[in-house]
Protein backbone atom coordinates (compact mmCIF):
# COMPACT_ATOMS: atom_id res chain seq x y z
CA MET A 1 75.21 112.72 132.19
CA LYS A 2 75.63 109.80 129.88
CA GLY A 3 79.11 109.57 128.35
CA ILE A 4 77.60 108.95 124.95
CA PHE A 5 75.42 111.49 123.21
CA PHE A 6 73.37 110.62 120.20
CA VAL A 7 74.41 112.08 116.83
CA LEU A 8 71.47 112.42 114.45
CA LEU A 9 71.79 110.51 111.21
CA SER A 10 70.84 112.64 108.21
CA ALA A 11 69.40 109.88 106.06
CA PHE A 12 65.85 108.87 105.19
CA VAL A 13 64.73 105.29 105.55
CA SER A 14 61.77 104.25 103.42
CA VAL A 15 59.69 101.69 105.29
CA ASN A 16 55.97 101.22 104.83
CA VAL A 17 54.73 101.82 108.37
CA ASN A 18 51.86 104.27 108.43
CA ALA A 19 49.58 104.05 111.45
CA GLN A 20 48.86 106.26 114.45
CA GLU A 21 49.22 103.83 117.36
CA PHE A 22 52.46 101.95 117.87
CA ARG A 23 54.23 99.67 120.31
CA SER A 24 57.94 100.43 120.56
CA SER A 25 60.38 97.57 120.30
CA PHE A 26 61.43 98.68 123.79
CA GLY A 27 57.95 97.93 125.12
CA PHE A 28 56.20 101.27 125.59
CA PRO A 29 53.07 102.23 123.59
CA PHE A 30 52.88 105.63 121.87
CA GLU A 31 50.99 107.59 119.26
CA LEU A 32 52.18 109.62 116.26
CA SER A 33 50.29 111.32 113.47
CA LYS A 34 50.48 109.98 109.95
CA ASP A 35 53.04 112.66 109.18
CA TRP A 36 55.58 110.40 110.87
CA LEU A 37 57.26 107.24 109.67
CA VAL A 38 58.20 104.64 112.30
CA VAL A 39 61.29 102.54 111.60
CA THR A 40 62.00 99.54 113.80
CA PRO A 41 65.54 98.74 115.00
CA LYS A 42 65.59 95.73 112.69
CA ASP A 43 64.66 97.80 109.63
CA ALA A 44 67.10 100.56 110.60
CA SER A 45 69.86 97.98 110.93
CA ALA A 46 69.18 96.68 107.43
CA GLN A 47 69.07 100.16 105.91
CA PHE A 48 72.30 101.35 107.55
CA GLU A 49 74.26 98.12 107.14
CA ALA A 50 76.50 99.44 104.35
CA GLU A 51 76.73 103.04 105.61
CA THR A 52 79.89 104.69 106.92
CA LEU A 53 80.51 107.96 108.70
CA LYS A 54 81.70 109.39 105.39
CA SER A 55 78.62 108.33 103.45
CA LEU A 56 76.44 109.86 106.19
CA HIS A 57 78.47 113.11 106.23
CA MET A 58 79.37 112.60 109.88
CA GLU A 59 83.09 113.34 109.59
CA ALA A 60 83.12 116.27 112.02
CA GLY A 61 83.33 115.98 115.79
CA ASP A 62 84.06 112.95 117.95
CA GLN A 63 84.63 110.14 115.45
CA ASP A 64 84.94 107.36 118.03
CA ASN A 65 81.60 108.30 119.55
CA ALA A 66 79.95 108.65 116.14
CA GLU A 67 81.29 105.26 115.09
CA ALA A 68 79.95 103.67 118.29
CA ILE A 69 76.52 105.17 117.60
CA LEU A 70 76.49 103.91 114.03
CA GLU A 71 77.44 100.44 115.26
CA ARG A 72 74.49 100.48 117.68
CA VAL A 73 72.19 101.33 114.78
CA LYS A 74 73.66 98.50 112.70
CA ALA A 75 73.30 96.13 115.67
CA GLY A 76 69.57 96.85 115.79
CA ASN A 77 69.55 98.85 119.03
CA VAL A 78 68.04 102.12 117.80
CA GLU A 79 64.48 102.95 116.78
CA PHE A 80 63.64 105.92 114.53
CA TYR A 81 60.61 108.12 113.87
CA PHE A 82 60.96 110.24 110.71
CA ASP A 83 59.05 113.42 109.95
CA LYS A 84 57.66 113.18 106.41
CA LYS A 85 56.02 116.61 106.37
CA TYR A 86 58.80 119.06 107.24
CA SER A 87 61.98 117.20 106.28
CA LYS A 88 64.16 118.78 103.61
CA LYS A 89 66.73 117.48 101.19
CA ASN A 90 69.68 118.52 103.36
CA PHE A 91 68.25 117.15 106.64
CA THR A 92 65.63 114.59 107.58
CA ASN A 93 63.81 115.60 110.76
CA ASN A 94 63.72 112.61 113.08
CA ILE A 95 63.41 111.30 116.61
CA SER A 96 65.42 108.31 117.78
CA ALA A 97 65.09 106.06 120.83
CA GLN A 98 67.69 103.73 122.29
CA LEU A 99 68.43 102.02 125.59
CA LEU A 100 71.72 102.35 127.45
CA PRO A 101 72.65 100.37 130.58
CA GLY A 102 72.58 102.03 133.97
CA VAL A 103 70.49 104.74 135.59
CA GLN A 104 71.66 108.04 137.02
CA ILE A 105 69.25 109.40 139.60
CA GLN A 106 68.63 113.00 138.58
CA THR A 107 68.65 115.63 141.31
CA ILE A 108 68.72 119.42 141.09
CA ASP A 109 72.44 119.47 141.97
CA ASN A 110 73.67 116.91 139.45
CA VAL A 111 71.44 118.37 136.70
CA LYS A 112 72.97 121.76 137.41
CA ALA A 113 76.45 120.23 137.08
CA THR A 114 75.46 118.53 133.84
CA CYS A 115 74.07 121.74 132.36
CA THR A 116 77.27 123.58 133.26
CA SER A 117 79.51 121.09 131.43
CA LEU A 118 77.10 120.54 128.52
CA PRO A 119 78.36 123.22 126.06
CA LYS A 120 81.94 121.93 126.12
CA GLU A 121 80.90 118.27 125.84
CA LEU A 122 78.54 118.94 122.95
CA GLN A 123 81.15 121.01 121.12
CA LEU A 124 83.61 118.12 121.33
CA LEU A 125 80.92 115.73 120.16
CA HIS A 126 79.77 117.70 117.13
CA GLY A 127 82.98 119.55 116.27
CA ASP A 128 80.96 122.75 116.16
CA VAL A 129 79.89 125.59 118.43
CA VAL A 130 76.55 124.84 120.08
CA LEU A 131 73.97 127.17 121.56
CA ILE A 132 72.21 125.75 124.62
CA LYS A 133 68.61 126.91 124.62
CA LYS A 134 67.36 124.86 127.57
CA CYS A 135 68.77 122.43 130.10
CA ALA A 136 66.68 121.45 133.11
CA LEU A 137 65.23 118.76 135.32
CA SER A 138 61.86 117.61 133.99
CA LYS A 139 59.18 115.47 135.57
CA SER A 140 56.33 113.51 134.00
CA ASN A 141 54.08 110.91 135.61
CA GLY A 142 56.27 110.94 138.71
CA ILE A 143 59.46 110.18 136.72
CA GLN A 144 62.29 112.74 136.84
CA TYR A 145 64.74 113.09 133.96
CA ILE A 146 67.11 115.59 132.39
CA ALA A 147 66.08 117.36 129.17
CA TYR A 148 68.00 119.82 127.05
CA GLU A 149 67.70 121.62 123.73
CA TYR A 150 70.51 123.08 121.64
CA SER A 151 71.34 124.16 118.10
CA LEU A 152 74.38 123.80 115.84
CA SER A 153 75.91 126.94 114.32
CA ARG A 154 76.87 125.32 111.01
CA MET A 155 73.39 124.15 110.11
CA ASP A 156 69.75 125.04 110.66
CA VAL A 157 69.09 122.21 113.11
CA ALA A 158 67.77 122.17 116.67
CA ILE A 159 68.30 119.08 118.81
CA VAL A 160 66.18 118.05 121.79
CA GLN A 161 67.44 115.26 124.06
CA ARG A 162 65.91 113.53 127.07
CA GLU A 163 67.49 110.86 129.26
CA ILE A 164 64.65 108.98 130.94
CA PRO A 165 65.15 106.29 133.64
CA TYR A 166 63.58 103.15 132.17
CA LEU A 167 63.10 99.57 133.33
CA SER A 168 65.64 96.97 134.51
CA ASN A 169 68.32 99.55 135.40
CA THR A 170 68.45 101.14 131.94
CA THR A 171 68.07 104.67 130.59
CA LEU A 172 66.05 105.46 127.48
CA ILE A 173 67.73 108.15 125.37
CA LEU A 174 65.20 110.06 123.29
CA VAL A 175 66.67 112.51 120.77
CA GLY A 176 64.92 114.69 118.22
CA GLY A 177 66.49 116.80 115.49
CA SER A 178 64.65 119.24 113.24
CA ASN A 179 64.98 122.21 110.93
CA SER A 180 63.24 125.42 112.03
CA ASP A 181 60.13 124.72 109.95
CA GLY A 182 59.41 121.43 111.67
CA LEU A 183 60.66 122.17 115.18
CA ARG A 184 57.26 122.81 116.71
CA ALA A 185 55.86 119.57 115.27
CA LEU A 186 58.91 117.61 116.41
CA MET A 187 58.79 118.97 119.95
CA SER A 188 55.09 118.15 120.19
CA ALA A 189 55.72 114.60 118.97
CA GLU A 190 58.66 114.12 121.34
CA ASP A 191 56.65 115.51 124.26
CA ASN A 192 53.94 112.93 123.57
CA ILE A 193 56.44 110.08 123.27
CA ALA A 194 58.21 111.10 126.50
CA ALA A 195 54.86 111.27 128.32
CA SER A 196 54.00 107.80 127.02
CA ILE A 197 57.36 106.44 128.19
CA THR A 198 57.08 107.89 131.70
CA LYS A 199 53.47 106.72 132.02
CA PHE A 200 54.53 103.22 130.96
CA VAL A 201 57.44 103.17 133.45
CA SER A 202 55.26 104.54 136.26
CA GLU A 203 52.55 101.94 135.64
CA LYS A 204 55.12 99.12 135.51
CA LYS A 205 56.64 100.24 138.81
CA LYS A 206 53.23 100.46 140.42
CA ALA A 207 52.29 97.02 139.10
CA LYS A 208 55.54 95.61 140.44
CA LEU A 209 54.74 96.88 143.91
CA GLU A 210 51.20 95.52 143.67
CA ASP A 211 52.52 92.14 142.54
CA ILE A 212 54.78 91.97 145.56
CA GLY A 213 51.52 91.98 147.49
CA ALA A 214 50.74 92.13 151.14
CA SER A 215 54.22 91.02 152.14
CA ILE A 216 55.54 94.55 151.67
CA MET A 217 52.57 96.24 153.31
CA ILE A 218 54.17 95.74 156.68
CA GLY A 219 52.37 95.52 159.98
CA GLN A 220 53.03 97.70 163.00
CA GLN A 221 55.68 95.40 164.48
CA LYS A 222 57.70 95.50 161.27
CA GLN A 223 57.27 99.28 161.14
CA ILE A 224 58.72 99.53 164.64
CA GLU A 225 61.63 97.27 163.69
CA LEU A 226 62.42 99.33 160.59
CA VAL A 227 62.37 102.63 162.47
CA LYS A 228 64.44 101.29 165.38
CA GLU A 229 66.99 99.82 162.97
CA SER A 230 67.28 103.08 161.04
CA MET A 231 67.51 105.21 164.17
CA HIS A 232 70.13 102.87 165.67
CA ASN A 233 72.35 103.05 162.58
CA PHE A 234 71.95 106.81 162.47
CA ALA A 235 72.81 107.13 166.18
CA ILE A 236 75.97 105.03 165.80
CA SER A 237 77.25 107.34 163.06
CA VAL A 238 76.37 110.46 165.04
CA ASN A 239 78.38 109.15 168.00
CA ALA A 240 81.26 108.20 165.71
CA LYS A 241 81.07 111.68 164.12
CA GLU A 242 81.29 110.24 160.63
CA PHE A 243 78.70 108.58 158.38
CA SER A 244 80.56 105.96 156.34
CA THR A 245 78.78 103.14 158.21
CA PHE A 246 75.40 104.81 157.76
CA TYR A 247 76.17 105.27 154.05
CA LYS A 248 76.65 101.51 153.67
CA TYR A 249 73.33 100.94 155.41
CA ILE A 250 71.13 103.18 153.25
CA SER A 251 69.50 102.18 149.96
CA HIS A 252 71.33 101.99 146.67
CA LEU A 253 68.98 104.70 145.41
CA TRP A 254 70.11 107.15 148.10
CA GLN A 255 73.76 106.14 147.68
CA GLN A 256 73.57 107.24 144.05
CA GLN A 257 72.48 110.71 145.17
CA THR A 258 74.95 111.34 147.98
CA SER A 259 78.25 110.34 149.60
CA ALA A 260 79.46 109.66 153.13
CA VAL A 261 81.13 113.09 153.19
CA GLN A 262 77.89 114.78 152.14
CA LEU A 263 76.06 112.92 154.91
CA ASP A 264 78.69 114.17 157.38
CA GLU A 265 77.84 117.72 156.34
CA ALA A 266 74.07 117.20 156.23
CA PHE A 267 73.95 115.92 159.82
CA LYS A 268 76.68 118.15 161.22
CA ALA A 269 74.28 119.72 163.72
CA PHE A 270 73.93 116.35 165.46
CA THR A 271 77.66 115.61 165.64
CA ASP A 272 78.65 119.17 166.63
CA ASN A 273 76.18 119.10 169.52
CA ASN A 274 77.18 115.60 170.68
CA VAL A 275 73.62 114.31 170.38
CA ASN A 276 73.29 110.79 171.73
CA LEU A 277 70.35 108.90 170.29
CA LEU A 278 71.43 105.40 171.29
CA PRO A 279 69.16 105.37 174.41
CA LEU A 280 66.26 105.26 171.94
CA ASP A 281 67.16 101.61 171.38
CA ASN A 282 65.13 100.93 174.52
CA VAL A 283 62.10 103.06 173.56
CA ALA A 284 59.29 102.03 171.21
CA PRO A 285 58.45 104.63 168.56
CA LEU A 286 54.86 105.81 168.05
CA PHE A 287 53.36 106.63 164.66
CA ASP A 288 51.40 109.72 163.62
CA THR A 289 49.96 108.15 160.47
CA THR A 290 49.46 104.74 158.90
CA PRO A 291 52.21 103.67 156.46
CA SER A 292 51.68 104.80 152.90
CA ILE A 293 53.32 104.19 149.53
CA GLY A 294 53.38 107.32 147.36
CA GLU A 295 53.57 107.66 143.59
CA ASP A 296 57.36 107.66 143.91
CA SER A 297 57.09 104.11 145.37
CA PHE A 298 58.44 105.26 148.75
CA LEU A 299 57.12 103.79 151.98
CA SER A 300 56.67 106.69 154.40
CA LEU A 301 56.86 106.19 158.18
CA LYS A 302 56.30 109.24 160.36
CA GLY A 303 56.15 109.45 164.14
CA TYR A 304 57.99 110.21 167.35
CA TYR A 305 59.63 108.80 170.44
CA PRO A 306 57.76 109.65 173.68
CA THR A 307 60.86 110.96 175.44
CA LYS A 308 61.35 113.80 177.96
CA PRO A 309 62.38 116.55 178.33
CA SER A 310 62.68 116.60 174.51
CA LYS A 311 60.60 114.82 171.92
CA VAL A 312 62.38 113.10 169.02
CA THR A 313 60.35 113.12 165.78
CA PHE A 314 61.22 111.22 162.62
CA GLU A 315 60.21 110.93 158.98
CA PHE A 316 61.77 107.92 157.28
CA GLY A 317 61.27 107.03 153.63
CA TYR A 318 62.01 103.53 152.34
CA VAL A 319 62.32 102.07 148.85
CA TYR A 320 61.85 98.38 148.08
CA GLU A 321 65.17 96.97 146.83
CA GLY A 322 65.67 93.27 146.24
CA SER A 323 63.40 91.75 148.88
CA ASN A 324 63.69 94.37 151.62
CA TRP A 325 62.73 97.94 152.44
CA LYS A 326 65.87 100.12 152.40
CA LEU A 327 66.23 103.61 153.84
CA ALA A 328 66.06 106.36 151.20
CA GLN A 329 65.09 109.48 153.16
CA THR A 330 65.73 110.67 156.71
CA LYS A 331 64.44 113.63 158.69
CA ILE A 332 64.97 113.74 162.46
CA ASN A 333 64.15 116.61 164.81
CA ILE A 334 64.59 117.09 168.54
CA ASN A 335 62.13 119.55 170.09
CA PRO A 336 61.66 120.56 173.74
CA ILE A 337 58.29 119.55 175.17
CA GLN A 338 56.28 122.66 176.04
């Protein structure tokens, strides 16, 4: 969960932008109906330059956080989309987009933890009781992200937030706020924007892999080297009965999702049974399928070691980090040969 939530600014910015197809200042293309007004970060900065938390009626809740948000708007780091059709005098329905540094890889477990702590964090943020209507892991165009919806008890406003992994190790925070009359229209617009963002990110990632070219589409010898290296590092940790060394070996992506202690527990069956895989250093692995790169940008290598009396099978997944393939998934089985 990001430490900073976005507080919606209840102010209308009048800028003459009235078209259906747009290119965000953050790079992604998107579409909105003419019921929406798009305000660039530069224009938002100019409009909010003289505003204060008091003038925006944002004096409840976490003031330090609210002040930091307002400063990001003034610095030209936030883009707005305003609903002209359903907004009312006391609240302007809007969607905002901003980039924050860093990416948290979303898994079922850490989303569950986030959703558990969300009510308390949001109450501190807004200074008001919140009702969580939805909090879950979402996926669009192969990109996973957390999404949640909640309402504030002191006003007729529903808030929908998504934290989408973006480019260059950043997260795009997309937040919509609406009264009950405009909620359906806002959620439809935000769904479309989120789908455009994930499609853009997915295409960029795919293009990046294609640009790397044939150098990453490794030949059989390199496949063998990768598998032997991964199996060797795994075997060393099994023999040592602890996985801190293996943890240092795996990809940064996998490291963000686990810990050495969690790896100890995940592979406990190997250590408890004193499995020794180091003799595989002298055996060449065989492959069941040709290497493939899926939509998640993982290189998948599946095969086995032709050993007796048991056959060792493996499924390794690699992600391209820096200039090398790094281990991101591991599945190893030992089965008696019938």
